[in-house]
N, C-alpha and C. Protein backbone atom coordinates (compact mmCIF):
# COMPACT_ATOMS: atom_id res chain seq x y z
N UNK A 1 115.24 114.40 122.94
CA UNK A 1 116.02 114.15 121.75
C UNK A 1 115.11 114.18 120.52
N UNK A 2 115.57 114.81 119.44
CA UNK A 2 114.79 114.94 118.22
C UNK A 2 114.62 113.61 117.51
N UNK A 3 113.48 113.48 116.85
CA UNK A 3 113.24 112.33 115.98
C UNK A 3 113.37 112.82 114.54
N UNK A 4 113.96 112.01 113.68
CA UNK A 4 114.20 112.38 112.30
C UNK A 4 113.45 111.45 111.36
N UNK A 5 113.09 111.99 110.22
CA UNK A 5 112.50 111.20 109.15
C UNK A 5 113.62 110.90 108.16
N UNK A 6 113.93 109.63 108.00
CA UNK A 6 114.97 109.21 107.06
C UNK A 6 114.25 108.63 105.86
N UNK A 7 114.57 109.12 104.67
CA UNK A 7 113.87 108.65 103.49
C UNK A 7 114.83 108.39 102.34
N UNK A 8 114.46 107.42 101.54
CA UNK A 8 115.21 107.06 100.33
C UNK A 8 114.19 106.98 99.19
N UNK A 9 114.38 107.82 98.18
CA UNK A 9 113.50 107.79 97.02
C UNK A 9 113.86 106.62 96.11
N UNK A 10 112.88 106.16 95.34
CA UNK A 10 113.14 105.14 94.32
C UNK A 10 112.11 105.31 93.20
N UNK A 11 112.53 104.91 92.00
CA UNK A 11 111.62 104.91 90.85
C UNK A 11 110.98 103.53 90.80
N UNK A 12 109.66 103.48 90.90
CA UNK A 12 109.03 102.16 90.87
C UNK A 12 108.52 101.83 89.48
N UNK A 13 108.57 100.55 89.17
CA UNK A 13 108.14 100.03 87.88
C UNK A 13 106.64 99.76 87.96
N UNK A 14 105.86 100.46 87.16
CA UNK A 14 104.41 100.32 87.19
C UNK A 14 103.98 98.88 86.91
N UNK A 15 104.78 98.15 86.12
CA UNK A 15 104.44 96.76 85.78
C UNK A 15 104.55 95.84 87.00
N UNK A 16 105.26 96.26 88.04
CA UNK A 16 105.43 95.43 89.24
C UNK A 16 104.44 95.75 90.35
N UNK A 17 103.58 96.74 90.14
CA UNK A 17 102.69 97.17 91.22
C UNK A 17 101.72 96.08 91.68
N UNK A 18 101.15 95.32 90.75
CA UNK A 18 100.20 94.26 91.15
C UNK A 18 100.91 93.21 92.00
N UNK A 19 102.11 92.83 91.60
CA UNK A 19 102.88 91.85 92.38
C UNK A 19 103.23 92.42 93.76
N UNK A 20 103.60 93.71 93.80
CA UNK A 20 103.91 94.36 95.07
C UNK A 20 102.69 94.37 95.99
N UNK A 21 101.56 94.86 95.47
CA UNK A 21 100.36 95.02 96.31
C UNK A 21 99.85 93.69 96.88
N UNK A 22 100.09 92.59 96.15
CA UNK A 22 99.64 91.27 96.63
C UNK A 22 100.76 90.50 97.31
N UNK A 23 101.91 91.15 97.49
CA UNK A 23 103.08 90.56 98.16
C UNK A 23 103.49 89.22 97.53
N UNK A 24 103.66 89.25 96.20
CA UNK A 24 104.05 88.04 95.48
C UNK A 24 105.39 88.20 94.78
N UNK A 25 106.25 89.06 95.33
CA UNK A 25 107.58 89.23 94.76
C UNK A 25 108.49 88.11 95.21
N UNK A 26 109.70 88.13 94.69
CA UNK A 26 110.68 87.11 95.06
C UNK A 26 111.95 87.79 95.56
N UNK A 27 112.17 87.80 96.88
CA UNK A 27 111.35 87.18 97.92
C UNK A 27 110.17 88.09 98.29
N UNK A 28 109.10 87.50 98.86
CA UNK A 28 108.01 88.34 99.36
C UNK A 28 108.45 89.05 100.64
N UNK A 29 107.81 90.15 100.94
CA UNK A 29 108.07 90.83 102.21
C UNK A 29 107.63 89.91 103.36
N UNK A 30 108.30 90.00 104.49
CA UNK A 30 107.88 89.20 105.66
C UNK A 30 106.46 89.58 106.04
N UNK A 31 106.14 90.85 105.91
CA UNK A 31 104.76 91.33 106.10
C UNK A 31 104.60 92.57 105.23
N UNK A 32 103.40 92.77 104.71
CA UNK A 32 103.10 93.96 103.92
C UNK A 32 101.65 94.33 104.20
N UNK A 33 101.47 95.51 104.78
CA UNK A 33 100.13 95.95 105.17
C UNK A 33 99.82 97.30 104.53
N UNK A 34 98.76 97.33 103.73
CA UNK A 34 98.31 98.60 103.15
C UNK A 34 97.70 99.43 104.27
N UNK A 35 98.22 100.64 104.46
CA UNK A 35 97.73 101.53 105.52
C UNK A 35 96.61 102.43 105.04
N UNK A 36 96.85 103.08 103.90
CA UNK A 36 95.85 104.02 103.38
C UNK A 36 96.21 104.48 101.98
N UNK A 37 95.20 105.00 101.30
CA UNK A 37 95.39 105.73 100.06
C UNK A 37 94.77 107.10 100.31
N UNK A 38 95.55 108.13 100.05
CA UNK A 38 95.07 109.49 100.34
C UNK A 38 95.45 110.44 99.22
N UNK A 39 94.75 111.56 99.18
CA UNK A 39 95.06 112.62 98.23
C UNK A 39 95.62 113.80 99.01
N UNK A 40 96.77 114.27 98.55
CA UNK A 40 97.47 115.36 99.23
C UNK A 40 97.56 116.56 98.29
N UNK A 41 97.04 117.70 98.74
CA UNK A 41 97.18 118.95 97.99
C UNK A 41 98.34 119.71 98.62
N UNK A 42 99.46 119.78 97.91
CA UNK A 42 100.65 120.45 98.42
C UNK A 42 100.89 121.76 97.68
N UNK A 43 101.19 122.79 98.46
CA UNK A 43 101.62 124.07 97.90
C UNK A 43 102.89 124.47 98.64
N UNK A 44 103.97 124.68 97.89
CA UNK A 44 105.27 125.02 98.48
C UNK A 44 105.52 126.51 98.36
N UNK A 45 106.26 127.04 99.35
CA UNK A 45 106.52 128.47 99.45
C UNK A 45 108.01 128.72 99.64
N UNK A 46 108.49 129.86 99.11
CA UNK A 46 109.89 130.25 99.27
C UNK A 46 109.98 131.76 99.10
N UNK A 47 111.19 132.27 99.26
CA UNK A 47 111.46 133.69 99.05
C UNK A 47 112.80 133.79 98.34
N UNK A 48 112.76 134.06 97.03
CA UNK A 48 113.98 134.17 96.22
C UNK A 48 114.89 132.95 96.40
N UNK A 49 114.29 131.79 96.53
CA UNK A 49 115.01 130.50 96.68
C UNK A 49 115.87 130.42 97.94
N UNK A 50 115.68 131.33 98.89
CA UNK A 50 116.50 131.34 100.10
C UNK A 50 116.28 130.10 100.96
N UNK A 51 115.05 129.64 101.06
CA UNK A 51 114.77 128.47 101.90
C UNK A 51 115.31 127.20 101.25
N UNK A 52 114.95 126.99 99.98
CA UNK A 52 115.37 125.75 99.31
C UNK A 52 116.88 125.64 99.22
N UNK A 53 117.58 126.76 99.05
CA UNK A 53 119.06 126.74 99.04
C UNK A 53 119.62 126.20 100.34
N UNK A 54 118.88 126.37 101.41
CA UNK A 54 119.32 125.95 102.74
C UNK A 54 118.64 124.66 103.21
N UNK A 55 118.03 123.95 102.26
CA UNK A 55 117.41 122.67 102.61
C UNK A 55 116.16 122.78 103.46
N UNK A 56 115.46 123.91 103.34
CA UNK A 56 114.23 124.12 104.10
C UNK A 56 113.07 124.16 103.11
N UNK A 57 112.04 123.37 103.39
CA UNK A 57 110.85 123.33 102.55
C UNK A 57 109.65 123.66 103.42
N UNK A 58 108.95 124.73 103.03
CA UNK A 58 107.75 125.15 103.74
C UNK A 58 106.58 124.84 102.81
N UNK A 59 105.60 124.11 103.34
CA UNK A 59 104.46 123.78 102.49
C UNK A 59 103.17 123.84 103.29
N UNK A 60 102.10 123.99 102.52
CA UNK A 60 100.75 123.81 103.03
C UNK A 60 100.29 122.49 102.45
N UNK A 61 100.02 121.53 103.32
CA UNK A 61 99.53 120.22 102.88
C UNK A 61 98.09 120.09 103.36
N UNK A 62 97.18 120.03 102.39
CA UNK A 62 95.75 119.98 102.73
C UNK A 62 95.39 121.07 103.75
N UNK A 63 95.92 122.27 103.50
CA UNK A 63 95.65 123.48 104.30
C UNK A 63 96.34 123.53 105.66
N UNK A 64 97.20 122.57 105.98
CA UNK A 64 97.96 122.61 107.23
C UNK A 64 99.42 122.93 106.91
N UNK A 65 100.01 123.85 107.67
CA UNK A 65 101.39 124.24 107.43
C UNK A 65 102.36 123.19 107.97
N UNK A 66 103.43 122.95 107.22
CA UNK A 66 104.49 122.02 107.62
C UNK A 66 105.83 122.57 107.14
N UNK A 67 106.88 122.20 107.84
CA UNK A 67 108.24 122.54 107.42
C UNK A 67 109.09 121.28 107.49
N UNK A 68 109.96 121.15 106.49
CA UNK A 68 110.95 120.07 106.49
C UNK A 68 112.31 120.76 106.39
N UNK A 69 113.24 120.38 107.27
CA UNK A 69 114.57 120.96 107.25
C UNK A 69 115.57 119.82 107.10
N UNK A 70 116.25 119.80 105.95
CA UNK A 70 117.19 118.71 105.69
C UNK A 70 118.35 118.78 106.66
N UNK A 71 118.62 117.66 107.31
CA UNK A 71 119.72 117.56 108.27
C UNK A 71 120.93 116.88 107.66
N UNK A 72 120.72 116.17 106.57
CA UNK A 72 121.81 115.49 105.90
C UNK A 72 121.31 114.85 104.62
N UNK A 73 122.26 114.46 103.77
CA UNK A 73 121.89 113.78 102.54
C UNK A 73 121.65 114.74 101.39
N UNK A 74 120.93 114.24 100.39
CA UNK A 74 120.64 115.02 99.19
C UNK A 74 119.16 114.82 98.84
N UNK A 75 118.80 115.13 97.60
CA UNK A 75 117.39 115.07 97.23
C UNK A 75 116.85 113.65 97.13
N UNK A 76 117.72 112.66 96.96
CA UNK A 76 117.27 111.28 96.81
C UNK A 76 117.35 110.50 98.11
N UNK A 77 118.30 110.83 98.94
CA UNK A 77 118.53 110.10 100.20
C UNK A 77 118.74 111.16 101.27
N UNK A 78 117.78 111.29 102.16
CA UNK A 78 117.78 112.44 103.06
C UNK A 78 117.39 112.08 104.48
N UNK A 79 117.84 112.95 105.38
CA UNK A 79 117.28 112.94 106.73
C UNK A 79 116.74 114.34 106.99
N UNK A 80 115.52 114.39 107.49
CA UNK A 80 114.83 115.65 107.71
C UNK A 80 114.35 115.75 109.15
N UNK A 81 114.35 116.99 109.63
CA UNK A 81 113.58 117.30 110.82
C UNK A 81 112.29 117.92 110.30
N UNK A 82 111.16 117.42 110.75
CA UNK A 82 109.86 117.93 110.30
C UNK A 82 109.09 118.51 111.46
N UNK A 83 108.31 119.55 111.16
CA UNK A 83 107.47 120.15 112.19
C UNK A 83 106.21 120.73 111.57
N UNK A 84 105.15 120.75 112.36
CA UNK A 84 103.93 121.45 111.97
C UNK A 84 103.61 122.55 112.99
N UNK A 85 104.59 122.85 113.83
CA UNK A 85 104.43 123.89 114.86
C UNK A 85 104.71 125.26 114.23
N UNK A 86 103.72 126.13 114.29
CA UNK A 86 103.82 127.44 113.66
C UNK A 86 105.02 128.23 114.17
N UNK A 87 105.30 128.21 115.47
CA UNK A 87 106.44 128.96 116.01
C UNK A 87 107.76 128.46 115.43
N UNK A 88 107.90 127.15 115.25
CA UNK A 88 109.13 126.61 114.66
C UNK A 88 109.24 126.99 113.19
N UNK A 89 108.12 126.97 112.48
CA UNK A 89 108.13 127.38 111.07
C UNK A 89 108.53 128.85 110.96
N UNK A 90 107.98 129.70 111.83
CA UNK A 90 108.36 131.13 111.83
C UNK A 90 109.85 131.30 112.06
N UNK A 91 110.41 130.53 113.01
CA UNK A 91 111.86 130.64 113.29
C UNK A 91 112.69 130.22 112.07
N UNK A 92 112.29 129.15 111.39
CA UNK A 92 113.02 128.72 110.19
C UNK A 92 112.98 129.80 109.11
N UNK A 93 111.79 130.36 108.88
CA UNK A 93 111.65 131.41 107.86
C UNK A 93 112.49 132.62 108.25
N UNK A 94 112.43 133.05 109.50
CA UNK A 94 113.19 134.23 109.94
C UNK A 94 114.69 133.99 109.81
N UNK A 95 115.13 132.77 110.06
CA UNK A 95 116.56 132.46 109.99
C UNK A 95 117.07 132.40 108.55
N UNK A 96 116.32 131.76 107.65
CA UNK A 96 116.84 131.50 106.31
C UNK A 96 116.29 132.43 105.23
N UNK A 97 115.22 133.14 105.50
CA UNK A 97 114.67 134.08 104.52
C UNK A 97 114.24 135.34 105.26
N UNK A 98 115.21 136.04 105.88
CA UNK A 98 114.85 137.20 106.69
C UNK A 98 114.17 138.28 105.86
N UNK A 99 113.19 138.91 106.48
CA UNK A 99 112.46 140.01 105.84
C UNK A 99 112.39 141.16 106.84
N UNK A 100 111.91 142.29 106.36
CA UNK A 100 111.79 143.46 107.24
C UNK A 100 110.80 143.21 108.36
N UNK A 101 109.69 142.55 108.04
CA UNK A 101 108.67 142.25 109.04
C UNK A 101 108.86 140.82 109.52
N UNK A 102 108.39 140.54 110.73
CA UNK A 102 108.47 139.16 111.21
C UNK A 102 107.44 138.32 110.45
N UNK A 103 107.77 137.04 110.18
CA UNK A 103 106.87 136.18 109.40
C UNK A 103 105.52 136.00 110.10
N UNK A 104 104.44 136.19 109.34
CA UNK A 104 103.10 136.03 109.90
C UNK A 104 102.36 134.93 109.16
N UNK A 105 101.72 134.06 109.90
CA UNK A 105 100.97 132.94 109.33
C UNK A 105 99.94 133.42 108.31
N UNK A 106 99.19 134.45 108.68
CA UNK A 106 98.11 134.92 107.79
C UNK A 106 98.62 135.52 106.49
N UNK A 107 99.91 135.81 106.40
CA UNK A 107 100.51 136.33 105.16
C UNK A 107 101.47 135.30 104.57
N UNK A 108 101.16 134.02 104.78
CA UNK A 108 102.01 132.92 104.27
C UNK A 108 103.46 133.07 104.71
N UNK A 109 103.65 133.56 105.93
CA UNK A 109 104.98 133.77 106.51
C UNK A 109 105.84 134.72 105.66
N UNK A 110 105.20 135.55 104.83
CA UNK A 110 105.93 136.48 103.97
C UNK A 110 106.54 135.80 102.75
N UNK A 111 106.10 134.58 102.45
CA UNK A 111 106.67 133.80 101.35
C UNK A 111 105.74 133.80 100.15
N UNK A 112 106.30 133.42 99.00
CA UNK A 112 105.53 133.32 97.76
C UNK A 112 105.34 131.86 97.38
N UNK A 113 104.20 131.57 96.79
CA UNK A 113 103.92 130.23 96.30
C UNK A 113 104.84 129.93 95.11
N UNK A 114 105.50 128.76 95.13
CA UNK A 114 106.39 128.39 94.02
C UNK A 114 105.87 127.19 93.23
N UNK A 115 105.01 126.38 93.83
CA UNK A 115 104.39 125.29 93.08
C UNK A 115 103.23 124.72 93.88
N UNK A 116 102.33 124.09 93.13
CA UNK A 116 101.14 123.49 93.74
C UNK A 116 100.75 122.29 92.90
N UNK A 117 100.53 121.15 93.57
CA UNK A 117 100.12 119.95 92.84
C UNK A 117 99.38 118.99 93.77
N UNK A 118 98.69 118.05 93.16
CA UNK A 118 97.91 117.05 93.88
C UNK A 118 98.61 115.70 93.74
N UNK A 119 98.74 114.98 94.84
CA UNK A 119 99.37 113.66 94.84
C UNK A 119 98.40 112.63 95.38
N UNK A 120 98.33 111.49 94.71
CA UNK A 120 97.64 110.33 95.26
C UNK A 120 98.73 109.46 95.85
N UNK A 121 98.62 109.17 97.14
CA UNK A 121 99.65 108.42 97.86
C UNK A 121 99.08 107.12 98.42
N UNK A 122 99.74 106.03 98.08
CA UNK A 122 99.45 104.73 98.70
C UNK A 122 100.54 104.49 99.74
N UNK A 123 100.14 104.17 100.96
CA UNK A 123 101.11 103.94 102.04
C UNK A 123 100.98 102.50 102.54
N UNK A 124 102.15 101.86 102.66
CA UNK A 124 102.24 100.48 103.13
C UNK A 124 103.27 100.42 104.25
N UNK A 125 103.15 99.44 105.14
CA UNK A 125 104.20 99.14 106.11
C UNK A 125 104.68 97.74 105.80
N UNK A 126 105.99 97.62 105.58
CA UNK A 126 106.60 96.33 105.25
C UNK A 126 107.49 95.88 106.39
N UNK A 127 107.49 94.59 106.61
CA UNK A 127 108.34 93.96 107.64
C UNK A 127 108.16 94.64 109.00
N UNK A 128 106.95 95.10 109.27
CA UNK A 128 106.55 95.71 110.55
C UNK A 128 107.33 96.97 110.90
N UNK A 129 108.06 97.56 109.94
CA UNK A 129 108.94 98.67 110.32
C UNK A 129 109.10 99.75 109.26
N UNK A 130 109.17 99.36 108.01
CA UNK A 130 109.51 100.29 106.93
C UNK A 130 108.23 100.82 106.27
N UNK A 131 108.11 102.13 106.22
CA UNK A 131 106.98 102.74 105.52
C UNK A 131 107.36 102.92 104.06
N UNK A 132 106.50 102.42 103.18
CA UNK A 132 106.70 102.56 101.74
C UNK A 132 105.56 103.43 101.21
N UNK A 133 105.92 104.52 100.54
CA UNK A 133 104.92 105.42 99.97
C UNK A 133 105.09 105.44 98.46
N UNK A 134 103.99 105.25 97.76
CA UNK A 134 103.98 105.31 96.30
C UNK A 134 103.15 106.52 95.90
N UNK A 135 103.80 107.52 95.32
CA UNK A 135 103.15 108.79 94.98
C UNK A 135 102.96 108.92 93.48
N UNK A 136 101.77 109.35 93.08
CA UNK A 136 101.47 109.67 91.68
C UNK A 136 100.83 111.05 91.66
N UNK A 137 101.41 111.97 90.87
CA UNK A 137 100.94 113.36 90.87
C UNK A 137 99.94 113.62 89.75
N UNK A 138 99.26 114.76 89.86
CA UNK A 138 98.31 115.17 88.83
C UNK A 138 99.00 115.68 87.57
N UNK A 139 100.33 115.80 87.58
CA UNK A 139 101.04 116.20 86.37
C UNK A 139 101.79 115.02 85.75
N UNK A 140 101.46 113.80 86.18
CA UNK A 140 101.96 112.60 85.51
C UNK A 140 103.25 112.01 86.02
N UNK A 141 103.72 112.42 87.18
CA UNK A 141 104.98 111.90 87.72
C UNK A 141 104.70 110.93 88.86
N UNK A 142 105.50 109.86 88.92
CA UNK A 142 105.40 108.88 90.01
C UNK A 142 106.77 108.68 90.64
N UNK A 143 106.79 108.53 91.96
CA UNK A 143 108.03 108.27 92.69
C UNK A 143 107.66 107.58 94.00
N UNK A 144 108.57 106.74 94.48
CA UNK A 144 108.36 106.06 95.75
C UNK A 144 109.37 106.51 96.79
N UNK A 145 109.06 106.23 98.05
CA UNK A 145 109.98 106.49 99.16
C UNK A 145 109.88 105.36 100.16
N UNK A 146 111.04 104.99 100.69
CA UNK A 146 111.09 104.12 101.87
C UNK A 146 111.48 105.03 103.01
N UNK A 147 110.78 104.92 104.13
CA UNK A 147 110.98 105.87 105.22
C UNK A 147 111.03 105.17 106.57
N UNK A 148 111.88 105.71 107.44
CA UNK A 148 111.93 105.30 108.84
C UNK A 148 111.92 106.55 109.71
N UNK A 149 111.24 106.49 110.84
CA UNK A 149 111.32 107.53 111.86
C UNK A 149 112.32 107.03 112.89
N UNK A 150 113.31 107.86 113.23
CA UNK A 150 114.38 107.38 114.10
C UNK A 150 115.04 108.51 114.86
N UNK A 151 115.82 108.14 115.85
CA UNK A 151 116.70 109.08 116.54
C UNK A 151 118.15 108.86 116.13
N UNK A 152 118.40 107.83 115.30
CA UNK A 152 119.75 107.48 114.86
C UNK A 152 119.79 107.40 113.33
N UNK A 153 120.00 108.55 112.65
CA UNK A 153 119.97 108.58 111.19
C UNK A 153 120.96 107.64 110.52
N UNK A 154 122.16 107.50 111.05
CA UNK A 154 123.18 106.65 110.42
C UNK A 154 122.72 105.20 110.37
N UNK A 155 122.23 104.69 111.48
CA UNK A 155 121.75 103.31 111.52
C UNK A 155 120.53 103.14 110.62
N UNK A 156 119.66 104.14 110.57
CA UNK A 156 118.46 104.04 109.74
C UNK A 156 118.81 103.98 108.26
N UNK A 157 119.79 104.78 107.82
CA UNK A 157 120.21 104.71 106.41
C UNK A 157 120.72 103.31 106.08
N UNK A 158 121.52 102.73 106.97
CA UNK A 158 122.05 101.38 106.74
C UNK A 158 120.91 100.36 106.70
N UNK A 159 119.93 100.50 107.59
CA UNK A 159 118.79 99.58 107.61
C UNK A 159 117.97 99.69 106.33
N UNK A 160 117.76 100.91 105.85
CA UNK A 160 117.01 101.10 104.60
C UNK A 160 117.78 100.48 103.44
N UNK A 161 119.10 100.68 103.39
CA UNK A 161 119.90 100.07 102.32
C UNK A 161 119.74 98.55 102.30
N UNK A 162 119.85 97.91 103.46
CA UNK A 162 119.71 96.45 103.54
C UNK A 162 118.32 96.01 103.10
N UNK A 163 117.31 96.72 103.56
CA UNK A 163 115.93 96.41 103.21
C UNK A 163 115.71 96.49 101.70
N UNK A 164 116.18 97.58 101.08
CA UNK A 164 115.98 97.75 99.65
C UNK A 164 116.78 96.73 98.84
N UNK A 165 117.94 96.34 99.32
CA UNK A 165 118.72 95.30 98.63
C UNK A 165 118.03 93.95 98.74
N UNK A 166 117.48 93.65 99.89
CA UNK A 166 116.79 92.36 100.08
C UNK A 166 115.62 92.22 99.11
N UNK A 167 114.90 93.32 98.89
CA UNK A 167 113.73 93.30 98.00
C UNK A 167 114.02 94.06 96.71
N UNK A 168 115.19 93.81 96.17
CA UNK A 168 115.65 94.51 94.96
C UNK A 168 114.69 94.33 93.79
N UNK A 169 113.95 93.24 93.76
CA UNK A 169 113.00 93.00 92.66
C UNK A 169 112.03 94.17 92.51
N UNK A 170 111.73 94.87 93.60
CA UNK A 170 110.82 96.01 93.52
C UNK A 170 111.54 97.35 93.53
N UNK A 171 112.61 97.46 94.30
CA UNK A 171 113.24 98.76 94.52
C UNK A 171 114.33 99.11 93.52
N UNK A 172 114.99 98.12 92.92
CA UNK A 172 116.09 98.42 92.00
C UNK A 172 115.51 98.66 90.61
N UNK A 173 115.88 99.80 90.04
CA UNK A 173 115.36 100.21 88.74
C UNK A 173 116.48 100.95 88.02
N UNK A 174 116.60 100.73 86.73
CA UNK A 174 117.66 101.41 85.96
C UNK A 174 117.39 102.91 85.85
N UNK A 175 116.14 103.30 86.03
CA UNK A 175 115.79 104.72 85.98
C UNK A 175 116.05 105.35 87.34
N UNK A 176 116.89 106.39 87.39
CA UNK A 176 117.11 107.04 88.70
C UNK A 176 115.84 107.74 89.16
N UNK A 177 115.60 107.75 90.47
CA UNK A 177 114.39 108.42 90.97
C UNK A 177 114.50 109.93 90.84
N UNK A 178 113.35 110.55 90.70
CA UNK A 178 113.29 112.00 90.61
C UNK A 178 112.18 112.46 91.55
N UNK A 179 112.51 113.38 92.43
CA UNK A 179 111.51 113.90 93.37
C UNK A 179 110.40 114.65 92.66
N UNK A 180 109.28 114.81 93.35
CA UNK A 180 108.12 115.45 92.74
C UNK A 180 108.39 116.91 92.37
N UNK A 181 109.07 117.64 93.26
CA UNK A 181 109.32 119.05 92.94
C UNK A 181 110.29 119.20 91.78
N UNK A 182 111.32 118.34 91.73
CA UNK A 182 112.25 118.38 90.60
C UNK A 182 111.50 118.14 89.30
N UNK A 183 110.64 117.12 89.28
CA UNK A 183 109.86 116.82 88.08
C UNK A 183 108.92 117.98 87.73
N UNK A 184 108.32 118.59 88.74
CA UNK A 184 107.42 119.72 88.53
C UNK A 184 108.17 120.88 87.87
N UNK A 185 109.34 121.23 88.43
CA UNK A 185 110.10 122.36 87.88
C UNK A 185 110.66 122.05 86.50
N UNK A 186 111.00 120.79 86.23
CA UNK A 186 111.45 120.43 84.88
C UNK A 186 110.32 120.61 83.88
N UNK A 187 109.10 120.33 84.30
CA UNK A 187 107.95 120.44 83.41
C UNK A 187 107.47 121.88 83.25
N UNK A 188 107.39 122.61 84.35
CA UNK A 188 106.80 123.96 84.33
C UNK A 188 107.80 125.10 84.49
N UNK A 189 109.07 124.78 84.76
CA UNK A 189 110.07 125.81 85.00
C UNK A 189 110.10 126.21 86.46
N UNK A 190 111.27 126.62 86.91
CA UNK A 190 111.46 127.04 88.30
C UNK A 190 111.29 128.55 88.37
N UNK A 191 110.57 129.05 89.36
CA UNK A 191 110.43 130.50 89.46
C UNK A 191 111.78 131.15 89.71
N UNK A 192 112.07 132.19 88.95
CA UNK A 192 113.33 132.90 89.15
C UNK A 192 113.17 133.86 90.32
N UNK A 193 114.29 134.41 90.75
CA UNK A 193 114.25 135.37 91.86
C UNK A 193 113.34 136.55 91.53
N UNK A 194 113.31 136.95 90.26
CA UNK A 194 112.48 138.10 89.90
C UNK A 194 110.99 137.75 89.94
N UNK A 195 110.66 136.44 89.84
CA UNK A 195 109.26 136.04 89.91
C UNK A 195 108.75 136.03 91.34
N UNK A 196 109.65 135.99 92.32
CA UNK A 196 109.23 135.81 93.71
C UNK A 196 109.07 137.11 94.44
């Protein structure tokens, strides 16, 4: 049975970060453990927007290929199937962005680069279960995600909702969250079909 990544984006308030990192919110998390801070170099690929139209994201993250295929939800609240297996990535590309030649790894699967940016990510585990990621990009955008790995997306969405409501002091913000790619394309423009 497949495992899914369930994620909910949120806009975090920079003024609350010190309180969050020291677990001094009201209420505090039952547990909060800093896992790591890392830098991620992401480059996304597409072909005339065929993949993104179908909820498929192909990227090179720190030189390793990955694919995310949205199984449900939207850009803010999603369930994804993720893989780093080259054969599965080739199948996704062949299905959603067919080309005359079969997709080859050494030719970026026949895809064109559509954006590239660097993210500094802080990762925490709260209440022994929920992964919280705080991302800040090299183009000035910040966004957070609460994530669960699960085989039951419906239950996971409900669990994330309850978790975020319980700790609303950190997760509730009047500013709607905006994903990194949306912010990137708003700043630099989205490549048109003729650019790809």
